[in-house]
């Protein structure tokens, strides 16, 4: 009797897993209720008649992701595997592909998406396959770079993202750092800026690059900083920036004169956005990423394994 039952369980399992038949189809062929088929499939797994193997499972990677979620209260995390033989370009490309896939799934009808800018986001946008959405809006969360350093301009990235998703785009026509607080306040409070301020309060997704230490060479906007700005940031031990706002190793935003001259969304608003996605990799950026995580400025992180291991090392120290 037991052998007959096991044969039936094996037959049901084979039809379901190997022949890709639905439970309803199996029930009809065997003359058994569909609910019974469901129970039989569970029993087949429980008794070892069916063994399910998960391929491409990296225990170390999944443990890292679980640690980051639990420790830093992340909603989601994507850690891209890093090969020891991979070049820096290959690491960058792999991160871009993974982030592009993640973002494409995250953006749906009616999304209001804020973008920062930089080389990382530029590469990611190039990797995104078009997706049709309705009533979706993309807008900058910061002003643009100087005219001298205009590669990956925030308005360009917003425009390209909007094209990918058949969406509306809104632009900021001002550089991210102004000469005085008075000029910055005048721009942000002006009538032309009212639409942007309104959309900032409605964002459900923010996509952020993360800047490295002050000596990091690939910044697209730091040429706007004065020598006085740089000295003040060194004294306050800035480790990086996001949304063109500098912070220290504990994630404290450095709200001095430079922050007050900035054209950008208040960082407090970013923390209230349902999906605040920080994307960065590289050992030199590990302290910056850790600072953001400590103060929970972002709730979603996309990075690679090498960077995550370094963040973990710094955290344990």
C-alpha atoms as a PDB file:
ATOM      1  CA  UNK A   1       0.000   0.000   0.000  1.00  0.00           C
ATOM      2  CA  UNK A   2       2.799   2.384   0.965  1.00  0.00           C
ATOM      3  CA  UNK A   3       4.657   1.562  -2.250  1.00  0.00           C
ATOM      4  CA  UNK A   4       1.526   2.245  -4.292  1.00  0.00           C
ATOM      5  CA  UNK A   5       1.032   5.586  -2.529  1.00  0.00           C
ATOM      6  CA  UNK A   6       4.644   6.524  -3.159  1.00  0.00           C
ATOM      7  CA  UNK A   7       4.314   5.648  -6.839  1.00  0.00           C
ATOM      8  CA  UNK A   8       1.237   7.877  -7.067  1.00  0.00           C
ATOM      9  CA  UNK A   9       3.039  10.689  -5.318  1.00  0.00           C
ATOM     10  CA  UNK A  10       5.990  10.256  -7.691  1.00  0.00           C
ATOM     11  CA  UNK A  11       3.675  10.265 -10.706  1.00  0.00           C
ATOM     12  CA  UNK A  12       1.935  13.450  -9.580  1.00  0.00           C
ATOM     13  CA  UNK A  13       5.281  15.100  -8.869  1.00  0.00           C
ATOM     14  CA  UNK A  14       6.663  14.077 -12.277  1.00  0.00           C
ATOM     15  CA  UNK A  15       3.637  15.469 -14.104  1.00  0.00           C
ATOM     16  CA  UNK A  16       3.853  18.736 -12.159  1.00  0.00           C
ATOM     17  CA  UNK A  17       7.610  19.376 -12.092  1.00  0.00           C
ATOM     18  CA  UNK A  18       8.886  17.587 -15.206  1.00  0.00           C
ATOM     19  CA  UNK A  19       5.947  17.778 -17.598  1.00  0.00           C
ATOM     20  CA  UNK A  20       5.019  21.291 -16.400  1.00  0.00           C
ATOM     21  CA  UNK A  21       1.321  20.442 -16.048  1.00  0.00           C
ATOM     22  CA  UNK A  22      -0.959  22.504 -13.832  1.00  0.00           C
ATOM     23  CA  UNK A  23      -2.566  21.017 -10.717  1.00  0.00           C
ATOM     24  CA  UNK A  24      -5.964  21.318 -12.400  1.00  0.00           C
ATOM     25  CA  UNK A  25      -4.751  19.338 -15.443  1.00  0.00           C
ATOM     26  CA  UNK A  26      -3.289  16.579 -13.250  1.00  0.00           C
ATOM     27  CA  UNK A  27      -6.487  16.380 -11.226  1.00  0.00           C
ATOM     28  CA  UNK A  28      -8.565  15.939 -14.388  1.00  0.00           C
ATOM     29  CA  UNK A  29      -6.315  13.187 -15.785  1.00  0.00           C
ATOM     30  CA  UNK A  30      -6.110  11.242 -12.532  1.00  0.00           C
ATOM     31  CA  UNK A  31      -9.659  11.910 -11.414  1.00  0.00           C
ATOM     32  CA  UNK A  32      -8.519  13.479  -8.135  1.00  0.00           C
ATOM     33  CA  UNK A  33      -9.582  16.763  -6.551  1.00  0.00           C
ATOM     34  CA  UNK A  34      -7.164  19.653  -7.238  1.00  0.00           C
ATOM     35  CA  UNK A  35      -6.844  20.325  -3.508  1.00  0.00           C
ATOM     36  CA  UNK A  36      -5.727  16.708  -3.069  1.00  0.00           C
ATOM     37  CA  UNK A  37      -3.048  17.202  -5.759  1.00  0.00           C
ATOM     38  CA  UNK A  38      -1.741  20.202  -3.827  1.00  0.00           C
ATOM     39  CA  UNK A  39      -1.502  18.158  -0.619  1.00  0.00           C
ATOM     40  CA  UNK A  40       0.214  15.300  -2.482  1.00  0.00           C
ATOM     41  CA  UNK A  41       2.885  17.629  -3.884  1.00  0.00           C
ATOM     42  CA  UNK A  42       3.650  18.927  -0.393  1.00  0.00           C
ATOM     43  CA  UNK A  43       3.825  15.360   0.919  1.00  0.00           C
ATOM     44  CA  UNK A  44       6.150  14.340  -1.940  1.00  0.00           C
ATOM     45  CA  UNK A  45       8.604  17.054  -0.843  1.00  0.00           C
ATOM     46  CA  UNK A  46       8.211  16.230   2.826  1.00  0.00           C
ATOM     47  CA  UNK A  47       8.955  12.511   2.286  1.00  0.00           C
ATOM     48  CA  UNK A  48      11.929  13.101   0.000  1.00  0.00           C
ATOM     49  CA  UNK A  49      10.272  11.841  -3.186  1.00  0.00           C
ATOM     50  CA  UNK A  50      10.889  15.326  -4.595  1.00  0.00           C
ATOM     51  CA  UNK A  51      14.109  17.200  -3.827  1.00  0.00           C
ATOM     52  CA  UNK A  52      14.336  20.820  -4.908  1.00  0.00           C
ATOM     53  CA  UNK A  53      17.795  22.237  -5.514  1.00  0.00           C
ATOM     54  CA  UNK A  54      18.338  25.970  -5.805  1.00  0.00           C
ATOM     55  CA  UNK A  55      21.083  26.701  -8.339  1.00  0.00           C
ATOM     56  CA  UNK A  56      23.178  29.891  -8.369  1.00  0.00           C
ATOM     57  CA  UNK A  57      22.815  30.072  -4.580  1.00  0.00           C
ATOM     58  CA  UNK A  58      25.713  31.855  -2.902  1.00  0.00           C
ATOM     59  CA  UNK A  59      25.377  31.383   0.852  1.00  0.00           C
ATOM     60  CA  UNK A  60      27.891  34.133   1.662  1.00  0.00           C
ATOM     61  CA  UNK A  61      26.022  36.614  -0.520  1.00  0.00           C
ATOM     62  CA  UNK A  62      22.643  35.808   1.023  1.00  0.00           C
ATOM     63  CA  UNK A  63      24.085  36.027   4.532  1.00  0.00           C
ATOM     64  CA  UNK A  64      25.505  39.463   3.675  1.00  0.00           C
ATOM     65  CA  UNK A  65      22.132  40.635   2.389  1.00  0.00           C
ATOM     66  CA  UNK A  66      20.357  39.340   5.496  1.00  0.00           C
ATOM     67  CA  UNK A  67      22.895  41.074   7.753  1.00  0.00           C
ATOM     68  CA  UNK A  68      22.520  44.421   5.983  1.00  0.00           C
ATOM     69  CA  UNK A  69      18.720  44.239   6.082  1.00  0.00           C
ATOM     70  CA  UNK A  70      18.583  43.386   9.756  1.00  0.00           C
ATOM     71  CA  UNK A  71      21.334  45.767  10.892  1.00  0.00           C
ATOM     72  CA  UNK A  72      20.426  48.857   8.883  1.00  0.00           C
ATOM     73  CA  UNK A  73      16.674  48.387   8.500  1.00  0.00           C
ATOM     74  CA  UNK A  74      16.813  48.151   4.720  1.00  0.00           C
ATOM     75  CA  UNK A  75      13.644  47.393   2.799  1.00  0.00           C
ATOM     76  CA  UNK A  76      15.566  45.856  -0.094  1.00  0.00           C
ATOM     77  CA  UNK A  77      19.179  45.138  -0.975  1.00  0.00           C
ATOM     78  CA  UNK A  78      20.876  43.856  -4.108  1.00  0.00           C
ATOM     79  CA  UNK A  79      24.495  42.678  -3.770  1.00  0.00           C
ATOM     80  CA  UNK A  80      26.119  41.842  -7.091  1.00  0.00           C
ATOM     81  CA  UNK A  81      28.675  38.978  -6.971  1.00  0.00           C
ATOM     82  CA  UNK A  82      32.294  40.073  -7.432  1.00  0.00           C
ATOM     83  CA  UNK A  83      34.862  37.848  -9.097  1.00  0.00           C
ATOM     84  CA  UNK A  84      38.492  38.156  -7.996  1.00  0.00           C
ATOM     85  CA  UNK A  85      39.518  38.310 -11.640  1.00  0.00           C
ATOM     86  CA  UNK A  86      37.043  41.070 -12.566  1.00  0.00           C
ATOM     87  CA  UNK A  87      38.417  44.386 -13.803  1.00  0.00           C
ATOM     88  CA  UNK A  88      37.075  47.682 -12.471  1.00  0.00           C
ATOM     89  CA  UNK A  89      35.135  48.143 -15.719  1.00  0.00           C
ATOM     90  CA  UNK A  90      33.584  44.692 -15.390  1.00  0.00           C
ATOM     91  CA  UNK A  91      32.551  45.432 -11.800  1.00  0.00           C
ATOM     92  CA  UNK A  92      31.004  48.713 -12.907  1.00  0.00           C
ATOM     93  CA  UNK A  93      29.200  47.061 -15.829  1.00  0.00           C
ATOM     94  CA  UNK A  94      27.822  44.250 -13.650  1.00  0.00           C
ATOM     95  CA  UNK A  95      26.520  46.766 -11.110  1.00  0.00           C
ATOM     96  CA  UNK A  96      24.887  48.829 -13.869  1.00  0.00           C
ATOM     97  CA  UNK A  97      23.110  45.804 -15.346  1.00  0.00           C
ATOM     98  CA  UNK A  98      21.784  44.659 -11.963  1.00  0.00           C
ATOM     99  CA  UNK A  99      20.669  48.165 -10.981  1.00  0.00           C
ATOM    100  CA  UNK A 100      18.976  48.715 -14.357  1.00  0.00           C
ATOM    101  CA  UNK A 101      16.945  45.522 -13.929  1.00  0.00           C
ATOM    102  CA  UNK A 102      16.020  46.451 -10.350  1.00  0.00           C
ATOM    103  CA  UNK A 103      14.895  49.975 -11.307  1.00  0.00           C
ATOM    104  CA  UNK A 104      12.909  48.776 -14.323  1.00  0.00           C
ATOM    105  CA  UNK A 105      10.859  46.489 -12.063  1.00  0.00           C
ATOM    106  CA  UNK A 106      10.459  49.148  -9.365  1.00  0.00           C
ATOM    107  CA  UNK A 107       8.959  51.861 -11.579  1.00  0.00           C
ATOM    108  CA  UNK A 108       5.277  51.365 -12.354  1.00  0.00           C
ATOM    109  CA  UNK A 109       2.250  53.364 -13.501  1.00  0.00           C
ATOM    110  CA  UNK A 110       1.859  56.589 -11.562  1.00  0.00           C
ATOM    111  CA  UNK A 111       5.380  56.616 -10.118  1.00  0.00           C
ATOM    112  CA  UNK A 112       6.932  59.979  -9.252  1.00  0.00           C
ATOM    113  CA  UNK A 113      10.679  59.433  -9.457  1.00  0.00           C
ATOM    114  CA  UNK A 114      13.398  61.798  -8.296  1.00  0.00           C
ATOM    115  CA  UNK A 115      16.913  61.505  -9.729  1.00  0.00           C
ATOM    116  CA  UNK A 116      20.302  62.694  -8.627  1.00  0.00           C
ATOM    117  CA  UNK A 117      23.085  62.379 -11.181  1.00  0.00           C
ATOM    118  CA  UNK A 118      26.568  61.247 -12.038  1.00  0.00           C
ATOM    119  CA  UNK A 119      28.464  58.666 -14.048  1.00  0.00           C
ATOM    120  CA  UNK A 120      26.959  55.671 -12.207  1.00  0.00           C
ATOM    121  CA  UNK A 121      23.371  56.699 -12.964  1.00  0.00           C
ATOM    122  CA  UNK A 122      24.311  57.542 -16.536  1.00  0.00           C
ATOM    123  CA  UNK A 123      25.623  54.008 -17.102  1.00  0.00           C
ATOM    124  CA  UNK A 124      22.580  52.456 -15.444  1.00  0.00           C
ATOM    125  CA  UNK A 125      20.110  54.383 -17.594  1.00  0.00           C
ATOM    126  CA  UNK A 126      21.909  53.180 -20.718  1.00  0.00           C
ATOM    127  CA  UNK A 127      21.270  49.597 -19.587  1.00  0.00           C
ATOM    128  CA  UNK A 128      17.526  49.950 -18.915  1.00  0.00           C
ATOM    129  CA  UNK A 129      15.257  48.296 -21.459  1.00  0.00           C
ATOM    130  CA  UNK A 130      12.251  50.482 -22.393  1.00  0.00           C
ATOM    131  CA  UNK A 131       9.028  49.899 -20.480  1.00  0.00           C
ATOM    132  CA  UNK A 132       5.662  51.519 -21.134  1.00  0.00           C
ATOM    133  CA  UNK A 133       4.123  53.231 -18.101  1.00  0.00           C
ATOM    134  CA  UNK A 134       1.265  55.663 -17.645  1.00  0.00           C
ATOM    135  CA  UNK A 135       1.114  58.860 -15.566  1.00  0.00           C
ATOM    136  CA  UNK A 136       4.772  58.493 -14.543  1.00  0.00           C
ATOM    137  CA  UNK A 137       6.935  61.535 -13.821  1.00  0.00           C
ATOM    138  CA  UNK A 138      10.717  61.940 -13.563  1.00  0.00           C
ATOM    139  CA  UNK A 139      12.340  65.018 -12.067  1.00  0.00           C
ATOM    140  CA  UNK A 140      15.675  66.139 -10.618  1.00  0.00           C
ATOM    141  CA  UNK A 141      16.219  66.345  -6.898  1.00  0.00           C
ATOM    142  CA  UNK A 142      19.225  68.666  -7.301  1.00  0.00           C
ATOM    143  CA  UNK A 143      20.428  71.386  -9.627  1.00  0.00           C
ATOM    144  CA  UNK A 144      22.933  70.809 -12.383  1.00  0.00           C
ATOM    145  CA  UNK A 145      26.739  70.977 -12.598  1.00  0.00           C
ATOM    146  CA  UNK A 146      28.780  73.911 -13.821  1.00  0.00           C
ATOM    147  CA  UNK A 147      28.970  74.642 -17.554  1.00  0.00           C
ATOM    148  CA  UNK A 148      32.574  73.430 -17.475  1.00  0.00           C
ATOM    149  CA  UNK A 149      31.641  70.009 -16.119  1.00  0.00           C
ATOM    150  CA  UNK A 150      28.305  69.142 -17.702  1.00  0.00           C
ATOM    151  CA  UNK A 151      28.712  65.423 -18.437  1.00  0.00           C
ATOM    152  CA  UNK A 152      25.780  63.374 -17.094  1.00  0.00           C
ATOM    153  CA  UNK A 153      23.776  66.543 -16.412  1.00  0.00           C
ATOM    154  CA  UNK A 154      20.778  65.823 -14.201  1.00  0.00           C
ATOM    155  CA  UNK A 155      18.328  67.185 -16.801  1.00  0.00           C
ATOM    156  CA  UNK A 156      19.828  64.892 -19.447  1.00  0.00           C
ATOM    157  CA  UNK A 157      19.434  61.864 -17.181  1.00  0.00           C
ATOM    158  CA  UNK A 158      15.839  62.831 -16.340  1.00  0.00           C
ATOM    159  CA  UNK A 159      15.037  63.211 -20.042  1.00  0.00           C
ATOM    160  CA  UNK A 160      16.618  59.845 -20.927  1.00  0.00           C
ATOM    161  CA  UNK A 161      14.797  58.060 -18.095  1.00  0.00           C
ATOM    162  CA  UNK A 162      11.480  59.587 -19.106  1.00  0.00           C
ATOM    163  CA  UNK A 163      12.027  58.337 -22.670  1.00  0.00           C
ATOM    164  CA  UNK A 164      12.679  54.809 -21.403  1.00  0.00           C
ATOM    165  CA  UNK A 165       9.358  54.763 -19.533  1.00  0.00           C
ATOM    166  CA  UNK A 166       7.248  56.925 -21.911  1.00  0.00           C
ATOM    167  CA  UNK A 167       6.884  59.365 -19.040  1.00  0.00           C
ATOM    168  CA  UNK A 168       6.773  63.076 -18.311  1.00  0.00           C
ATOM    169  CA  UNK A 169      10.001  64.895 -17.454  1.00  0.00           C
ATOM    170  CA  UNK A 170      10.514  68.068 -15.414  1.00  0.00           C
ATOM    171  CA  UNK A 171      13.792  70.014 -15.344  1.00  0.00           C
ATOM    172  CA  UNK A 172      15.770  72.344 -13.071  1.00  0.00           C
ATOM    173  CA  UNK A 173      17.506  75.223 -14.809  1.00  0.00           C
ATOM    174  CA  UNK A 174      19.952  76.192 -12.088  1.00  0.00           C
ATOM    175  CA  UNK A 175      23.361  75.018 -10.917  1.00  0.00           C
ATOM    176  CA  UNK A 176      23.390  72.991  -7.731  1.00  0.00           C
ATOM    177  CA  UNK A 177      25.549  75.445  -5.754  1.00  0.00           C
ATOM    178  CA  UNK A 178      24.809  79.178  -5.776  1.00  0.00           C
ATOM    179  CA  UNK A 179      27.087  82.018  -4.672  1.00  0.00           C
ATOM    180  CA  UNK A 180      24.942  82.970  -1.680  1.00  0.00           C
ATOM    181  CA  UNK A 181      22.108  81.592   0.434  1.00  0.00           C
ATOM    182  CA  UNK A 182      19.972  84.536  -0.694  1.00  0.00           C
ATOM    183  CA  UNK A 183      20.313  83.503  -4.357  1.00  0.00           C
ATOM    184  CA  UNK A 184      19.531  79.862  -3.561  1.00  0.00           C
ATOM    185  CA  UNK A 185      16.458  80.776  -1.508  1.00  0.00           C
ATOM    186  CA  UNK A 186      15.239  83.073  -4.273  1.00  0.00           C
ATOM    187  CA  UNK A 187      15.397  80.285  -6.857  1.00  0.00           C
ATOM    188  CA  UNK A 188      13.751  77.629  -4.675  1.00  0.00           C
ATOM    189  CA  UNK A 189      10.935  79.963  -3.602  1.00  0.00           C
ATOM    190  CA  UNK A 190      10.323  81.344  -7.116  1.00  0.00           C
ATOM    191  CA  UNK A 191       7.116  80.665  -9.067  1.00  0.00           C
ATOM    192  CA  UNK A 192       8.902  78.615 -11.721  1.00  0.00           C
ATOM    193  CA  UNK A 193      10.149  76.265  -8.974  1.00  0.00           C
ATOM    194  CA  UNK A 194       6.696  75.689  -7.463  1.00  0.00           C
ATOM    195  CA  UNK A 195       5.940  72.665  -9.659  1.00  0.00           C
ATOM    196  CA  UNK A 196       9.216  70.993  -8.674  1.00  0.00           C
ATOM    197  CA  UNK A 197       8.622  71.623  -4.964  1.00  0.00           C
ATOM    198  CA  UNK A 198       5.149  70.126  -5.305  1.00  0.00           C
ATOM    199  CA  UNK A 199       6.472  66.975  -7.015  1.00  0.00           C
ATOM    200  CA  UNK A 200       9.244  66.605  -4.427  1.00  0.00           C
ATOM    201  CA  UNK A 201       6.530  66.129  -1.809  1.00  0.00           C
ATOM    202  CA  UNK A 202       4.862  63.435  -3.962  1.00  0.00           C
ATOM    203  CA  UNK A 203       7.895  61.269  -4.795  1.00  0.00           C
ATOM    204  CA  UNK A 204       7.528  57.545  -4.201  1.00  0.00           C
ATOM    205  CA  UNK A 205      10.997  56.670  -5.538  1.00  0.00           C
ATOM    206  CA  UNK A 206      14.371  58.415  -5.376  1.00  0.00           C
ATOM    207  CA  UNK A 207      17.420  57.082  -7.222  1.00  0.00           C
ATOM    208  CA  UNK A 208      20.727  58.285  -5.797  1.00  0.00           C
ATOM    209  CA  UNK A 209      24.373  58.016  -6.661  1.00  0.00           C
ATOM    210  CA  UNK A 210      26.712  58.170  -3.663  1.00  0.00           C
ATOM    211  CA  UNK A 211      29.817  60.342  -3.768  1.00  0.00           C
ATOM    212  CA  UNK A 212      33.096  59.239  -2.203  1.00  0.00           C
ATOM    213  CA  UNK A 213      35.617  61.137  -0.053  1.00  0.00           C
ATOM    214  CA  UNK A 214      36.696  64.718  -0.788  1.00  0.00           C
ATOM    215  CA  UNK A 215      39.671  63.566  -2.861  1.00  0.00           C
ATOM    216  CA  UNK A 216      37.425  61.373  -5.032  1.00  0.00           C
ATOM    217  CA  UNK A 217      38.241  62.245  -8.645  1.00  0.00           C
ATOM    218  CA  UNK A 218      35.044  61.355 -10.492  1.00  0.00           C
ATOM    219  CA  UNK A 219      32.703  63.989  -9.067  1.00  0.00           C
ATOM    220  CA  UNK A 220      30.630  65.958 -11.572  1.00  0.00           C
ATOM    221  CA  UNK A 221      29.902  68.965  -9.371  1.00  0.00           C
ATOM    222  CA  UNK A 222      32.643  69.598  -6.847  1.00  0.00           C
ATOM    223  CA  UNK A 223      34.361  72.088  -9.139  1.00  0.00           C
ATOM    224  CA  UNK A 224      31.655  74.476  -7.867  1.00  0.00           C
ATOM    225  CA  UNK A 225      33.090  74.352  -4.344  1.00  0.00           C
ATOM    226  CA  UNK A 226      35.306  77.193  -3.132  1.00  0.00           C
ATOM    227  CA  UNK A 227      38.532  76.692  -1.197  1.00  0.00           C
ATOM    228  CA  UNK A 228      36.627  77.868   1.868  1.00  0.00           C
ATOM    229  CA  UNK A 229      33.998  75.164   1.278  1.00  0.00           C
ATOM    230  CA  UNK A 230      36.660  72.468   0.984  1.00  0.00           C
ATOM    231  CA  UNK A 231      38.461  73.568   4.137  1.00  0.00           C
ATOM    232  CA  UNK A 232      35.186  73.584   6.096  1.00  0.00           C
ATOM    233  CA  UNK A 233      34.332  70.072   4.851  1.00  0.00           C
ATOM    234  CA  UNK A 234      37.798  68.784   5.802  1.00  0.00           C
ATOM    235  CA  UNK A 235      37.480  70.261   9.293  1.00  0.00           C
ATOM    236  CA  UNK A 236      34.090  68.599   9.721  1.00  0.00           C
ATOM    237  CA  UNK A 237      35.488  65.313   8.355  1.00  0.00           C
ATOM    238  CA  UNK A 238      33.126  64.829   5.410  1.00  0.00           C
ATOM    239  CA  UNK A 239      33.309  61.279   4.047  1.00  0.00           C
ATOM    240  CA  UNK A 240      30.974  61.625   1.069  1.00  0.00           C
ATOM    241  CA  UNK A 241      27.836  63.132  -0.384  1.00  0.00           C
ATOM    242  CA  UNK A 242      24.428  62.159  -1.700  1.00  0.00           C
ATOM    243  CA  UNK A 243      21.929  64.440  -3.409  1.00  0.00           C
ATOM    244  CA  UNK A 244      24.831  66.950  -3.348  1.00  0.00           C
ATOM    245  CA  UNK A 245      24.787  67.064   0.476  1.00  0.00           C
ATOM    246  CA  UNK A 246      27.898  66.164   2.430  1.00  0.00           C
ATOM    247  CA  UNK A 247      27.847  64.010   5.576  1.00  0.00           C
ATOM    248  CA  UNK A 248      30.324  62.589   8.088  1.00  0.00           C
ATOM    249  CA  UNK A 249      31.147  58.966   8.959  1.00  0.00           C
ATOM    250  CA  UNK A 250      28.115  58.748  11.243  1.00  0.00           C
ATOM    251  CA  UNK A 251      25.786  59.956   8.483  1.00  0.00           C
ATOM    252  CA  UNK A 252      25.255  63.424   9.982  1.00  0.00           C
ATOM    253  CA  UNK A 253      24.417  65.931   7.242  1.00  0.00           C
ATOM    254  CA  UNK A 254      26.843  68.874   7.358  1.00  0.00           C
ATOM    255  CA  UNK A 255      24.386  71.763   7.231  1.00  0.00           C
ATOM    256  CA  UNK A 256      26.704  74.727   7.004  1.00  0.00           C
ATOM    257  CA  UNK A 257      26.986  77.561   4.506  1.00  0.00           C
ATOM    258  CA  UNK A 258      27.456  75.188   1.579  1.00  0.00           C
ATOM    259  CA  UNK A 259      24.243  73.278   2.337  1.00  0.00           C
ATOM    260  CA  UNK A 260      22.334  76.565   2.552  1.00  0.00           C
ATOM    261  CA  UNK A 261      23.606  77.607  -0.916  1.00  0.00           C
ATOM    262  CA  UNK A 262      22.502  74.309  -2.425  1.00  0.00           C
ATOM    263  CA  UNK A 263      19.645  73.881  -4.928  1.00  0.00           C
ATOM    264  CA  UNK A 264      18.104  70.564  -4.004  1.00  0.00           C
ATOM    265  CA  UNK A 265      15.448  68.647  -2.158  1.00  0.00           C
ATOM    266  CA  UNK A 266      15.708  68.844   1.658  1.00  0.00           C
ATOM    267  CA  UNK A 267      17.400  65.624   2.742  1.00  0.00           C
ATOM    268  CA  UNK A 268      14.675  65.094   5.358  1.00  0.00           C
ATOM    269  CA  UNK A 269      12.227  64.548   2.489  1.00  0.00           C
ATOM    270  CA  UNK A 270      14.383  61.797   0.986  1.00  0.00           C
ATOM    271  CA  UNK A 271      14.084  59.746   4.182  1.00  0.00           C
ATOM    272  CA  UNK A 272      10.287  59.897   3.896  1.00  0.00           C
ATOM    273  CA  UNK A 273      10.185  58.540   0.330  1.00  0.00           C
ATOM    274  CA  UNK A 274       8.913  54.908   0.247  1.00  0.00           C
ATOM    275  CA  UNK A 275      11.818  53.752  -1.966  1.00  0.00           C
ATOM    276  CA  UNK A 276      15.092  55.651  -1.540  1.00  0.00           C
ATOM    277  CA  UNK A 277      17.587  53.703  -3.652  1.00  0.00           C
ATOM    278  CA  UNK A 278      21.313  54.295  -3.125  1.00  0.00           C
ATOM    279  CA  UNK A 279      23.619  52.854  -5.793  1.00  0.00           C
ATOM    280  CA  UNK A 280      27.424  52.734  -5.504  1.00  0.00           C
ATOM    281  CA  UNK A 281      30.397  50.398  -5.447  1.00  0.00           C
ATOM    282  CA  UNK A 282      34.133  50.627  -4.877  1.00  0.00           C
ATOM    283  CA  UNK A 283      36.298  50.291  -1.779  1.00  0.00           C
ATOM    284  CA  UNK A 284      36.846  54.058  -1.611  1.00  0.00           C
ATOM    285  CA  UNK A 285      33.081  54.566  -1.300  1.00  0.00           C
ATOM    286  CA  UNK A 286      32.535  52.046   1.506  1.00  0.00           C
ATOM    287  CA  UNK A 287      32.831  54.682   4.305  1.00  0.00           C
ATOM    288  CA  UNK A 288      30.333  56.908   2.467  1.00  0.00           C
ATOM    289  CA  UNK A 289      27.806  54.117   2.041  1.00  0.00           C
ATOM    290  CA  UNK A 290      28.208  53.071   5.677  1.00  0.00           C
ATOM    291  CA  UNK A 291      27.540  56.642   6.838  1.00  0.00           C
ATOM    292  CA  UNK A 292      24.264  56.758   4.911  1.00  0.00           C
ATOM    293  CA  UNK A 293      23.217  53.364   6.258  1.00  0.00           C
ATOM    294  CA  UNK A 294      23.958  54.305   9.850  1.00  0.00           C
ATOM    295  CA  UNK A 295      21.513  57.208   9.769  1.00  0.00           C
ATOM    296  CA  UNK A 296      19.041  55.347   7.506  1.00  0.00           C
ATOM    297  CA  UNK A 297      19.140  58.023   4.815  1.00  0.00           C
ATOM    298  CA  UNK A 298      18.359  55.284   2.275  1.00  0.00           C
ATOM    299  CA  UNK A 299      16.168  52.180   2.619  1.00  0.00           C
ATOM    300  CA  UNK A 300      17.403  50.333  -0.475  1.00  0.00           C
ATOM    301  CA  UNK A 301      21.019  49.618  -1.415  1.00  0.00           C
ATOM    302  CA  UNK A 302      22.494  48.289  -4.650  1.00  0.00           C
ATOM    303  CA  UNK A 303      26.216  47.546  -4.437  1.00  0.00           C
ATOM    304  CA  UNK A 304      28.645  44.701  -5.129  1.00  0.00           C
ATOM    305  CA  UNK A 305      30.062  41.951  -2.945  1.00  0.00           C
ATOM    306  CA  UNK A 306      33.537  43.442  -2.638  1.00  0.00           C
ATOM    307  CA  UNK A 307      32.109  46.755  -1.412  1.00  0.00           C
ATOM    308  CA  UNK A 308      29.637  45.080   0.960  1.00  0.00           C
ATOM    309  CA  UNK A 309      32.440  43.066   2.590  1.00  0.00           C
ATOM    310  CA  UNK A 310      34.456  46.262   3.100  1.00  0.00           C
ATOM    311  CA  UNK A 311      31.421  48.037   4.609  1.00  0.00           C
ATOM    312  CA  UNK A 312      30.996  45.093   6.979  1.00  0.00           C
ATOM    313  CA  UNK A 313      34.672  45.298   7.982  1.00  0.00           C
ATOM    314  CA  UNK A 314      34.412  49.022   8.704  1.00  0.00           C
ATOM    315  CA  UNK A 315      31.190  48.510  10.650  1.00  0.00           C
ATOM    316  CA  UNK A 316      32.758  45.841  12.880  1.00  0.00           C
ATOM    317  CA  UNK A 317      35.747  48.094  13.588  1.00  0.00           C
END
